[in-house]
PDB file of N, CA and C in Angstrom:
ATOM      1  N   MET A   1    -109.321 180.025 -18.718  1.00  0.00           N
ATOM      2  CA  MET A   1    -108.515 178.890 -18.666  1.00  0.00           C
ATOM      3  C   MET A   1    -109.221 177.612 -18.095  1.00  0.00           C
ATOM      4  N   THR A   2    -110.045 177.739 -17.174  1.00  0.00           N
ATOM      5  CA  THR A   2    -110.714 176.565 -16.598  1.00  0.00           C
ATOM      6  C   THR A   2    -111.763 176.027 -17.686  1.00  0.00           C
ATOM      7  N   LYS A   3    -112.314 176.835 -18.675  1.00  0.00           N
ATOM      8  CA  LYS A   3    -113.067 176.239 -19.808  1.00  0.00           C
ATOM      9  C   LYS A   3    -112.228 175.477 -20.658  1.00  0.00           C
ATOM     10  N   THR A   4    -110.987 175.744 -20.823  1.00  0.00           N
ATOM     11  CA  THR A   4    -109.954 175.148 -21.671  1.00  0.00           C
ATOM     12  C   THR A   4    -109.728 173.703 -21.032  1.00  0.00           C
ATOM     13  N   PHE A   5    -109.445 173.658 -19.814  1.00  0.00           N
ATOM     14  CA  PHE A   5    -109.188 172.513 -19.126  1.00  0.00           C
ATOM     15  C   PHE A   5    -110.438 171.473 -19.107  1.00  0.00           C
ATOM     16  N   THR A   6    -111.453 172.014 -18.808  1.00  0.00           N
ATOM     17  CA  THR A   6    -112.799 171.156 -18.903  1.00  0.00           C
ATOM     18  C   THR A   6    -112.964 170.545 -20.323  1.00  0.00           C
ATOM     19  N   ARG A   7    -112.778 171.423 -21.362  1.00  0.00           N
ATOM     20  CA  ARG A   7    -112.940 170.855 -22.750  1.00  0.00           C
ATOM     21  C   ARG A   7    -111.894 169.964 -22.903  1.00  0.00           C
ATOM     22  N   LEU A   8    -110.637 169.912 -22.652  1.00  0.00           N
ATOM     23  CA  LEU A   8    -109.642 169.036 -22.753  1.00  0.00           C
ATOM     24  C   LEU A   8    -109.836 167.794 -21.913  1.00  0.00           C
ATOM     25  N   LYS A   9    -110.423 167.836 -20.677  1.00  0.00           N
ATOM     26  CA  LYS A   9    -110.809 166.626 -19.913  1.00  0.00           C
ATOM     27  C   LYS A   9    -111.923 165.788 -20.592  1.00  0.00           C
ATOM     28  N   TYR A  10    -112.902 166.498 -21.278  1.00  0.00           N
ATOM     29  CA  TYR A  10    -113.960 165.705 -22.017  1.00  0.00           C
ATOM     30  C   TYR A  10    -113.340 165.110 -23.257  1.00  0.00           C
ATOM     31  N   ILE A  11    -112.437 165.781 -23.887  1.00  0.00           N
ATOM     32  CA  ILE A  11    -111.892 165.387 -25.150  1.00  0.00           C
ATOM     33  C   ILE A  11    -111.026 164.089 -24.850  1.00  0.00           C
ATOM     34  N   PHE A  12    -110.281 163.890 -23.775  1.00  0.00           N
ATOM     35  CA  PHE A  12    -109.416 162.843 -23.373  1.00  0.00           C
ATOM     36  C   PHE A  12    -110.331 161.808 -22.879  1.00  0.00           C
ATOM     37  N   LEU A  13    -111.322 162.228 -22.204  1.00  0.00           N
ATOM     38  CA  LEU A  13    -112.300 161.119 -21.704  1.00  0.00           C
ATOM     39  C   LEU A  13    -113.023 160.419 -22.751  1.00  0.00           C
ATOM     40  N   GLY A  14    -113.355 161.279 -23.788  1.00  0.00           N
ATOM     41  CA  GLY A  14    -113.961 160.595 -24.983  1.00  0.00           C
ATOM     42  C   GLY A  14    -113.113 159.634 -25.710  1.00  0.00           C
ATOM     43  N   LEU A  15    -111.806 160.234 -25.916  1.00  0.00           N
ATOM     44  CA  LEU A  15    -110.778 159.164 -26.501  1.00  0.00           C
ATOM     45  C   LEU A  15    -110.617 157.875 -25.813  1.00  0.00           C
ATOM     46  N   PHE A  16    -110.410 158.181 -24.500  1.00  0.00           N
ATOM     47  CA  PHE A  16    -110.373 156.908 -23.677  1.00  0.00           C
ATOM     48  C   PHE A  16    -111.430 156.067 -23.759  1.00  0.00           C
ATOM     49  N   LEU A  17    -112.718 156.405 -23.806  1.00  0.00           N
ATOM     50  CA  LEU A  17    -113.844 155.523 -24.021  1.00  0.00           C
ATOM     51  C   LEU A  17    -113.992 154.928 -25.445  1.00  0.00           C
ATOM     52  N   LEU A  18    -113.677 155.752 -26.413  1.00  0.00           N
ATOM     53  CA  LEU A  18    -113.551 155.250 -27.739  1.00  0.00           C
ATOM     54  C   LEU A  18    -112.654 154.136 -28.035  1.00  0.00           C
ATOM     55  N   GLY A  19    -111.306 154.357 -27.241  1.00  0.00           N
ATOM     56  CA  GLY A  19    -110.296 153.253 -27.565  1.00  0.00           C
ATOM     57  C   GLY A  19    -110.839 152.239 -26.711  1.00  0.00           C
ATOM     58  N   SER A  20    -111.300 152.236 -25.521  1.00  0.00           N
ATOM     59  CA  SER A  20    -111.729 151.161 -24.828  1.00  0.00           C
ATOM     60  C   SER A  20    -112.778 150.307 -25.537  1.00  0.00           C
ATOM     61  N   ALA A  21    -113.798 150.950 -26.208  1.00  0.00           N
ATOM     62  CA  ALA A  21    -114.893 150.458 -26.883  1.00  0.00           C
ATOM     63  C   ALA A  21    -114.184 149.505 -28.034  1.00  0.00           C
ATOM     64  N   GLY A  22    -113.248 150.167 -28.727  1.00  0.00           N
ATOM     65  CA  GLY A  22    -112.517 149.612 -29.767  1.00  0.00           C
ATOM     66  C   GLY A  22    -111.870 148.223 -29.493  1.00  0.00           C
ATOM     67  N   VAL A  23    -111.221 148.302 -28.375  1.00  0.00           N
ATOM     68  CA  VAL A  23    -110.508 147.056 -27.935  1.00  0.00           C
ATOM     69  C   VAL A  23    -111.374 146.048 -27.530  1.00  0.00           C
ATOM     70  N   LEU A  24    -112.507 146.389 -26.801  1.00  0.00           N
ATOM     71  CA  LEU A  24    -113.583 145.385 -26.398  1.00  0.00           C
ATOM     72  C   LEU A  24    -114.268 144.623 -27.668  1.00  0.00           C
ATOM     73  N   ALA A  25    -114.507 145.652 -28.696  1.00  0.00           N
ATOM     74  CA  ALA A  25    -115.194 145.109 -29.889  1.00  0.00           C
ATOM     75  C   ALA A  25    -114.081 144.257 -30.700  1.00  0.00           C
ATOM     76  N   TYR A  26    -112.871 144.443 -30.629  1.00  0.00           N
ATOM     77  CA  TYR A  26    -111.776 143.523 -31.283  1.00  0.00           C
ATOM     78  C   TYR A  26    -111.869 142.314 -30.617  1.00  0.00           C
ATOM     79  N   HIS A  27    -111.870 142.221 -29.337  1.00  0.00           N
ATOM     80  CA  HIS A  27    -111.824 140.899 -28.581  1.00  0.00           C
ATOM     81  C   HIS A  27    -113.078 140.138 -28.807  1.00  0.00           C
ATOM     82  N   ALA A  28    -114.128 140.827 -28.793  1.00  0.00           N
ATOM     83  CA  ALA A  28    -115.468 140.270 -28.865  1.00  0.00           C
ATOM     84  C   ALA A  28    -115.791 139.632 -30.266  1.00  0.00           C
ATOM     85  N   LEU A  29    -115.322 140.232 -31.282  1.00  0.00           N
ATOM     86  CA  LEU A  29    -115.396 139.862 -32.531  1.00  0.00           C
ATOM     87  C   LEU A  29    -114.376 139.059 -33.116  1.00  0.00           C
ATOM     88  N   TRP A  30    -113.228 138.986 -32.577  1.00  0.00           N
ATOM     89  CA  TRP A  30    -111.985 138.244 -33.369  1.00  0.00           C
ATOM     90  C   TRP A  30    -111.447 137.422 -32.249  1.00  0.00           C
ATOM     91  N   VAL A  31    -110.964 137.788 -31.240  1.00  0.00           N
ATOM     92  CA  VAL A  31    -109.967 137.043 -30.373  1.00  0.00           C
ATOM     93  C   VAL A  31    -110.869 135.986 -29.499  1.00  0.00           C
ATOM     94  N   TRP A  32    -111.963 136.325 -28.906  1.00  0.00           N
ATOM     95  CA  TRP A  32    -112.577 135.262 -28.217  1.00  0.00           C
ATOM     96  C   TRP A  32    -113.198 134.224 -29.146  1.00  0.00           C
ATOM     97  N   PRO A  33    -113.821 134.448 -30.258  1.00  0.00           N
ATOM     98  CA  PRO A  33    -114.316 133.392 -31.079  1.00  0.00           C
ATOM     99  C   PRO A  33    -113.280 132.512 -31.642  1.00  0.00           C
ATOM    100  N   LYS A  34    -112.047 133.102 -31.910  1.00  0.00           N
ATOM    101  CA  LYS A  34    -110.973 132.345 -32.326  1.00  0.00           C
ATOM    102  C   LYS A  34    -110.390 131.347 -31.241  1.00  0.00           C
ATOM    103  N   GLU A  35    -110.328 131.901 -30.101  1.00  0.00           N
ATOM    104  CA  GLU A  35    -109.902 130.981 -28.945  1.00  0.00           C
ATOM    105  C   GLU A  35    -110.909 129.827 -28.652  1.00  0.00           C
ATOM    106  N   ARG A  36    -112.202 130.079 -28.839  1.00  0.00           N
ATOM    107  CA  ARG A  36    -113.180 129.057 -28.393  1.00  0.00           C
ATOM    108  C   ARG A  36    -113.140 128.034 -29.687  1.00  0.00           C
ATOM    109  N   CYS A  37    -112.911 128.571 -30.912  1.00  0.00           N
ATOM    110  CA  CYS A  37    -112.761 127.673 -32.122  1.00  0.00           C
ATOM    111  C   CYS A  37    -111.579 126.713 -31.898  1.00  0.00           C
ATOM    112  N   GLU A  38    -110.426 127.278 -31.530  1.00  0.00           N
ATOM    113  CA  GLU A  38    -109.230 126.406 -31.302  1.00  0.00           C
ATOM    114  C   GLU A  38    -109.281 125.520 -30.131  1.00  0.00           C
ATOM    115  N   ALA A  39    -110.033 125.804 -29.205  1.00  0.00           N
ATOM    116  CA  ALA A  39    -110.271 125.019 -28.126  1.00  0.00           C
ATOM    117  C   ALA A  39    -110.964 123.758 -28.296  1.00  0.00           C
ATOM    118  N   ARG A  40    -111.871 123.768 -29.208  1.00  0.00           N
ATOM    119  CA  ARG A  40    -112.747 122.651 -29.567  1.00  0.00           C
ATOM    120  C   ARG A  40    -112.000 121.843 -30.779  1.00  0.00           C
ATOM    121  N   GLY A  41    -111.100 122.446 -31.281  1.00  0.00           N
ATOM    122  CA  GLY A  41    -110.221 121.665 -32.291  1.00  0.00           C
ATOM    123  C   GLY A  41    -110.615 121.992 -33.722  1.00  0.00           C
ATOM    124  N   GLY A  42    -111.125 123.088 -33.684  1.00  0.00           N
ATOM    125  CA  GLY A  42    -111.447 123.587 -35.166  1.00  0.00           C
ATOM    126  C   GLY A  42    -110.387 124.359 -35.657  1.00  0.00           C
ATOM    127  N   ALA A  43    -110.619 124.926 -37.003  1.00  0.00           N
ATOM    128  CA  ALA A  43    -109.583 125.702 -37.675  1.00  0.00           C
ATOM    129  C   ALA A  43    -110.277 127.151 -37.894  1.00  0.00           C
ATOM    130  N   TRP A  44    -109.635 128.114 -37.350  1.00  0.00           N
ATOM    131  CA  TRP A  44    -110.076 129.561 -37.581  1.00  0.00           C
ATOM    132  C   TRP A  44    -109.738 130.069 -38.948  1.00  0.00           C
ATOM    133  N   ALA A  45    -110.670 130.540 -39.583  1.00  0.00           N
ATOM    134  CA  ALA A  45    -110.620 131.081 -40.939  1.00  0.00           C
ATOM    135  C   ALA A  45    -110.867 132.569 -40.735  1.00  0.00           C
ATOM    136  N   GLY A  46    -109.692 133.255 -40.508  1.00  0.00           N
ATOM    137  CA  GLY A  46    -109.806 134.819 -40.137  1.00  0.00           C
ATOM    138  C   GLY A  46    -110.279 135.646 -41.092  1.00  0.00           C
ATOM    139  N   ARG A  47    -110.185 135.295 -42.412  1.00  0.00           N
ATOM    140  CA  ARG A  47    -110.714 136.030 -43.502  1.00  0.00           C
ATOM    141  C   ARG A  47    -112.168 136.149 -43.411  1.00  0.00           C
ATOM    142  N   TRP A  48    -112.874 134.925 -43.112  1.00  0.00           N
ATOM    143  CA  TRP A  48    -114.248 134.931 -43.199  1.00  0.00           C
ATOM    144  C   TRP A  48    -114.860 134.983 -41.668  1.00  0.00           C
ATOM    145  N   MET A  49    -113.975 134.919 -40.696  1.00  0.00           N
ATOM    146  CA  MET A  49    -114.454 134.886 -39.384  1.00  0.00           C
ATOM    147  C   MET A  49    -115.233 133.725 -38.971  1.00  0.00           C
ATOM    148  N   LYS A  50    -114.885 132.500 -39.720  1.00  0.00           N
ATOM    149  CA  LYS A  50    -115.597 131.255 -39.362  1.00  0.00           C
ATOM    150  C   LYS A  50    -114.837 130.255 -38.779  1.00  0.00           C
ATOM    151  N   CYS A  51    -115.443 129.400 -38.049  1.00  0.00           N
ATOM    152  CA  CYS A  51    -114.778 128.147 -37.430  1.00  0.00           C
ATOM    153  C   CYS A  51    -115.096 126.829 -38.290  1.00  0.00           C
ATOM    154  N   ALA A  52    -114.020 126.209 -38.773  1.00  0.00           N
ATOM    155  CA  ALA A  52    -114.054 125.108 -39.808  1.00  0.00           C
ATOM    156  C   ALA A  52    -113.632 123.896 -39.041  1.00  0.00           C
ATOM    157  N   THR A  53    -114.367 122.746 -39.551  1.00  0.00           N
ATOM    158  CA  THR A  53    -113.992 121.395 -38.903  1.00  0.00           C
ATOM    159  C   THR A  53    -113.032 120.870 -40.014  1.00  0.00           C
ATOM    160  N   VAL A  54    -111.929 120.211 -39.407  1.00  0.00           N
ATOM    161  CA  VAL A  54    -110.680 119.697 -40.136  1.00  0.00           C
ATOM    162  C   VAL A  54    -111.185 118.083 -40.373  1.00  0.00           C
ATOM    163  N   TYR A  55    -111.225 117.772 -41.655  1.00  0.00           N
ATOM    164  CA  TYR A  55    -111.442 116.458 -41.960  1.00  0.00           C
ATOM    165  C   TYR A  55    -110.138 115.860 -42.599  1.00  0.00           C
ATOM    166  N   SER A  56    -109.980 114.609 -42.322  1.00  0.00           N
ATOM    167  CA  SER A  56    -108.839 113.877 -43.044  1.00  0.00           C
ATOM    168  C   SER A  56    -109.263 113.525 -44.520  1.00  0.00           C
ATOM    169  N   ILE A  57    -108.393 113.265 -45.358  1.00  0.00           N
ATOM    170  CA  ILE A  57    -108.733 112.983 -46.691  1.00  0.00           C
ATOM    171  C   ILE A  57    -109.555 111.556 -46.861  1.00  0.00           C
ATOM    172  N   GLU A  58    -109.077 110.715 -45.873  1.00  0.00           N
ATOM    173  CA  GLU A  58    -109.648 109.264 -45.836  1.00  0.00           C
ATOM    174  C   GLU A  58    -111.260 109.548 -45.488  1.00  0.00           C
ATOM    175  N   THR A  59    -111.633 110.426 -44.694  1.00  0.00           N
ATOM    176  CA  THR A  59    -112.969 110.745 -44.376  1.00  0.00           C
ATOM    177  C   THR A  59    -113.753 111.170 -45.534  1.00  0.00           C
ATOM    178  N   LEU A  60    -113.106 112.102 -46.166  1.00  0.00           N
ATOM    179  CA  LEU A  60    -113.867 112.796 -47.336  1.00  0.00           C
ATOM    180  C   LEU A  60    -113.962 111.891 -48.592  1.00  0.00           C
ATOM    181  N   THR A  61    -112.927 110.975 -48.783  1.00  0.00           N
ATOM    182  CA  THR A  61    -112.898 110.004 -49.958  1.00  0.00           C
ATOM    183  C   THR A  61    -113.452 108.613 -49.561  1.00  0.00           C
ATOM    184  N   ARG A  62    -113.628 108.400 -48.278  1.00  0.00           N
ATOM    185  CA  ARG A  62    -114.159 107.042 -47.760  1.00  0.00           C
ATOM    186  C   ARG A  62    -113.113 106.036 -48.115  1.00  0.00           C
ATOM    187  N   ARG A  63    -111.880 106.298 -48.197  1.00  0.00           N
ATOM    188  CA  ARG A  63    -110.778 105.319 -48.538  1.00  0.00           C
ATOM    189  C   ARG A  63    -110.108 104.966 -47.340  1.00  0.00           C
ATOM    190  N   PRO A  64    -110.176 103.670 -47.144  1.00  0.00           N
ATOM    191  CA  PRO A  64    -109.411 103.220 -45.888  1.00  0.00           C
ATOM    192  C   PRO A  64    -107.930 103.594 -45.814  1.00  0.00           C
ATOM    193  N   SER A  65    -107.590 103.917 -44.684  1.00  0.00           N
ATOM    194  CA  SER A  65    -106.028 104.430 -44.555  1.00  0.00           C
ATOM    195  C   SER A  65    -104.976 103.340 -44.736  1.00  0.00           C
ATOM    196  N   ASN A  66    -105.255 102.119 -44.624  1.00  0.00           N
ATOM    197  CA  ASN A  66    -104.149 101.064 -44.932  1.00  0.00           C
ATOM    198  C   ASN A  66    -104.104 100.601 -46.396  1.00  0.00           C
ATOM    199  N   VAL A  67    -104.811 101.278 -47.288  1.00  0.00           N
ATOM    200  CA  VAL A  67    -104.801 100.852 -48.764  1.00  0.00           C
ATOM    201  C   VAL A  67    -103.487 101.562 -49.492  1.00  0.00           C
ATOM    202  N   PRO A  68    -102.792 100.851 -50.282  1.00  0.00           N
ATOM    203  CA  PRO A  68    -101.661 101.427 -50.838  1.00  0.00           C
ATOM    204  C   PRO A  68    -101.930 102.702 -51.667  1.00  0.00           C
ATOM    205  N   PRO A  69    -100.832 103.593 -51.926  1.00  0.00           N
ATOM    206  CA  PRO A  69    -101.370 104.853 -52.636  1.00  0.00           C
ATOM    207  C   PRO A  69    -101.490 104.376 -53.967  1.00  0.00           C
ATOM    208  N   ILE A  70    -102.343 105.353 -54.717  1.00  0.00           N
ATOM    209  CA  ILE A  70    -102.658 105.040 -56.133  1.00  0.00           C
ATOM    210  C   ILE A  70    -101.451 105.559 -57.068  1.00  0.00           C
ATOM    211  N   ASN A  71    -101.292 104.869 -58.255  1.00  0.00           N
ATOM    212  CA  ASN A  71    -100.291 105.345 -59.266  1.00  0.00           C
ATOM    213  C   ASN A  71     -98.791 105.322 -58.682  1.00  0.00           C
ATOM    214  N   GLY A  72     -98.565 104.479 -57.759  1.00  0.00           N
ATOM    215  CA  GLY A  72     -97.218 104.276 -57.075  1.00  0.00           C
ATOM    216  C   GLY A  72     -96.629 105.398 -56.428  1.00  0.00           C
ATOM    217  N   GLU A  73     -97.551 106.384 -56.044  1.00  0.00           N
ATOM    218  CA  GLU A  73     -96.984 107.481 -55.267  1.00  0.00           C
ATOM    219  C   GLU A  73     -96.638 107.142 -53.957  1.00  0.00           C
ATOM    220  N   ALA A  74     -95.460 107.624 -53.345  1.00  0.00           N
ATOM    221  CA  ALA A  74     -95.208 107.275 -51.944  1.00  0.00           C
ATOM    222  C   ALA A  74     -95.865 108.022 -50.912  1.00  0.00           C
ATOM    223  N   ARG A  75     -96.144 107.394 -49.719  1.00  0.00           N
ATOM    224  CA  ARG A  75     -96.801 107.842 -48.837  1.00  0.00           C
ATOM    225  C   ARG A  75     -95.803 109.016 -48.149  1.00  0.00           C
ATOM    226  N   ILE A  76     -96.496 110.142 -47.731  1.00  0.00           N
ATOM    227  CA  ILE A  76     -95.665 111.284 -47.237  1.00  0.00           C
ATOM    228  C   ILE A  76     -95.112 110.886 -45.680  1.00  0.00           C
ATOM    229  N   LYS A  77     -95.974 110.499 -44.933  1.00  0.00           N
ATOM    230  CA  LYS A  77     -95.422 110.015 -43.526  1.00  0.00           C
ATOM    231  C   LYS A  77     -96.270 108.727 -43.226  1.00  0.00           C
ATOM    232  N   PRO A  78     -95.558 107.850 -42.731  1.00  0.00           N
ATOM    233  CA  PRO A  78     -96.102 106.474 -42.323  1.00  0.00           C
ATOM    234  C   PRO A  78     -97.063 106.755 -41.098  1.00  0.00           C
ATOM    235  N   GLU A  79     -98.096 106.105 -41.036  1.00  0.00           N
ATOM    236  CA  GLU A  79     -98.983 106.180 -40.101  1.00  0.00           C
ATOM    237  C   GLU A  79     -98.556 105.291 -38.899  1.00  0.00           C
ATOM    238  N   ALA A  80     -98.783 105.658 -37.614  1.00  0.00           N
ATOM    239  CA  ALA A  80     -98.487 104.839 -36.532  1.00  0.00           C
ATOM    240  C   ALA A  80     -99.487 103.784 -36.337  1.00  0.00           C
ATOM    241  N   GLY A  81     -99.224 102.626 -36.126  1.00  0.00           N
ATOM    242  CA  GLY A  81    -100.090 101.451 -35.975  1.00  0.00           C
ATOM    243  C   GLY A  81    -100.622 100.954 -37.243  1.00  0.00           C
ATOM    244  N   ALA A  82     -99.827 101.168 -38.520  1.00  0.00           N
ATOM    245  CA  ALA A  82    -100.164 100.470 -39.701  1.00  0.00           C
ATOM    246  C   ALA A  82     -99.906  99.102 -39.607  1.00  0.00           C
ATOM    247  N   ALA A  83    -100.782  98.082 -40.024  1.00  0.00           N
ATOM    248  CA  ALA A  83    -100.651  96.721 -39.848  1.00  0.00           C
ATOM    249  C   ALA A  83     -99.456  96.127 -40.589  1.00  0.00           C
ATOM    250  N   ALA A  84     -99.329  96.471 -41.966  1.00  0.00           N
ATOM    251  CA  ALA A  84     -98.334  95.920 -42.740  1.00  0.00           C
ATOM    252  C   ALA A  84     -97.983  96.837 -43.842  1.00  0.00           C
ATOM    253  N   PRO A  85     -96.776  96.793 -44.400  1.00  0.00           N
ATOM    254  CA  PRO A  85     -96.369  97.640 -45.623  1.00  0.00           C
ATOM    255  C   PRO A  85     -97.273  97.239 -46.702  1.00  0.00           C
ATOM    256  N   ALA A  86     -97.298  98.244 -47.632  1.00  0.00           N
ATOM    257  CA  ALA A  86     -97.899  97.986 -48.874  1.00  0.00           C
ATOM    258  C   ALA A  86     -97.288  96.683 -49.762  1.00  0.00           C
ATOM    259  N   PRO A  87     -98.238  95.902 -50.267  1.00  0.00           N
ATOM    260  CA  PRO A  87     -97.685  94.688 -51.065  1.00  0.00           C
ATOM    261  C   PRO A  87     -96.800  95.195 -52.249  1.00  0.00           C
ATOM    262  N   SER A  88     -95.711  94.510 -52.505  1.00  0.00           N
ATOM    263  CA  SER A  88     -94.973  94.912 -53.743  1.00  0.00           C
ATOM    264  C   SER A  88     -95.653  94.180 -54.957  1.00  0.00           C
ATOM    265  N   GLU A  89     -95.333  94.842 -56.088  1.00  0.00           N
ATOM    266  CA  GLU A  89     -95.785  94.211 -57.354  1.00  0.00           C
ATOM    267  C   GLU A  89     -95.035  93.075 -57.825  1.00  0.00           C
ATOM    268  N   LYS A  90     -95.736  91.953 -58.529  1.00  0.00           N
ATOM    269  CA  LYS A  90     -95.077  90.859 -58.962  1.00  0.00           C
ATOM    270  C   LYS A  90     -94.625  91.075 -60.334  1.00  0.00           C
ATOM    271  N   LYS A  91     -93.457  90.620 -60.735  1.00  0.00           N
ATOM    272  CA  LYS A  91     -92.972  90.805 -62.149  1.00  0.00           C
ATOM    273  C   LYS A  91     -93.005  89.459 -62.944  1.00  0.00           C
TER     274      LYS A  91
END
């Protein structure tokens, strides 16, 4: 009977240590890097476990933000601090 209790004690101790190591590995590989990434303003890509930098489209295309849209498309949201509305076409 004592042999059975000793064996069960070691089995539950092993399961506890295995579960604790799993939780620690999850936090070390997923949670903590995600928190560091979001704290510095990045975007966490969980599928690849990478931290990406978010760029605006104006930065990528080097187009000024106060230029009217191309092909008559309306702007989705007006920017705060825009100097003047887009000039209208003359007919």
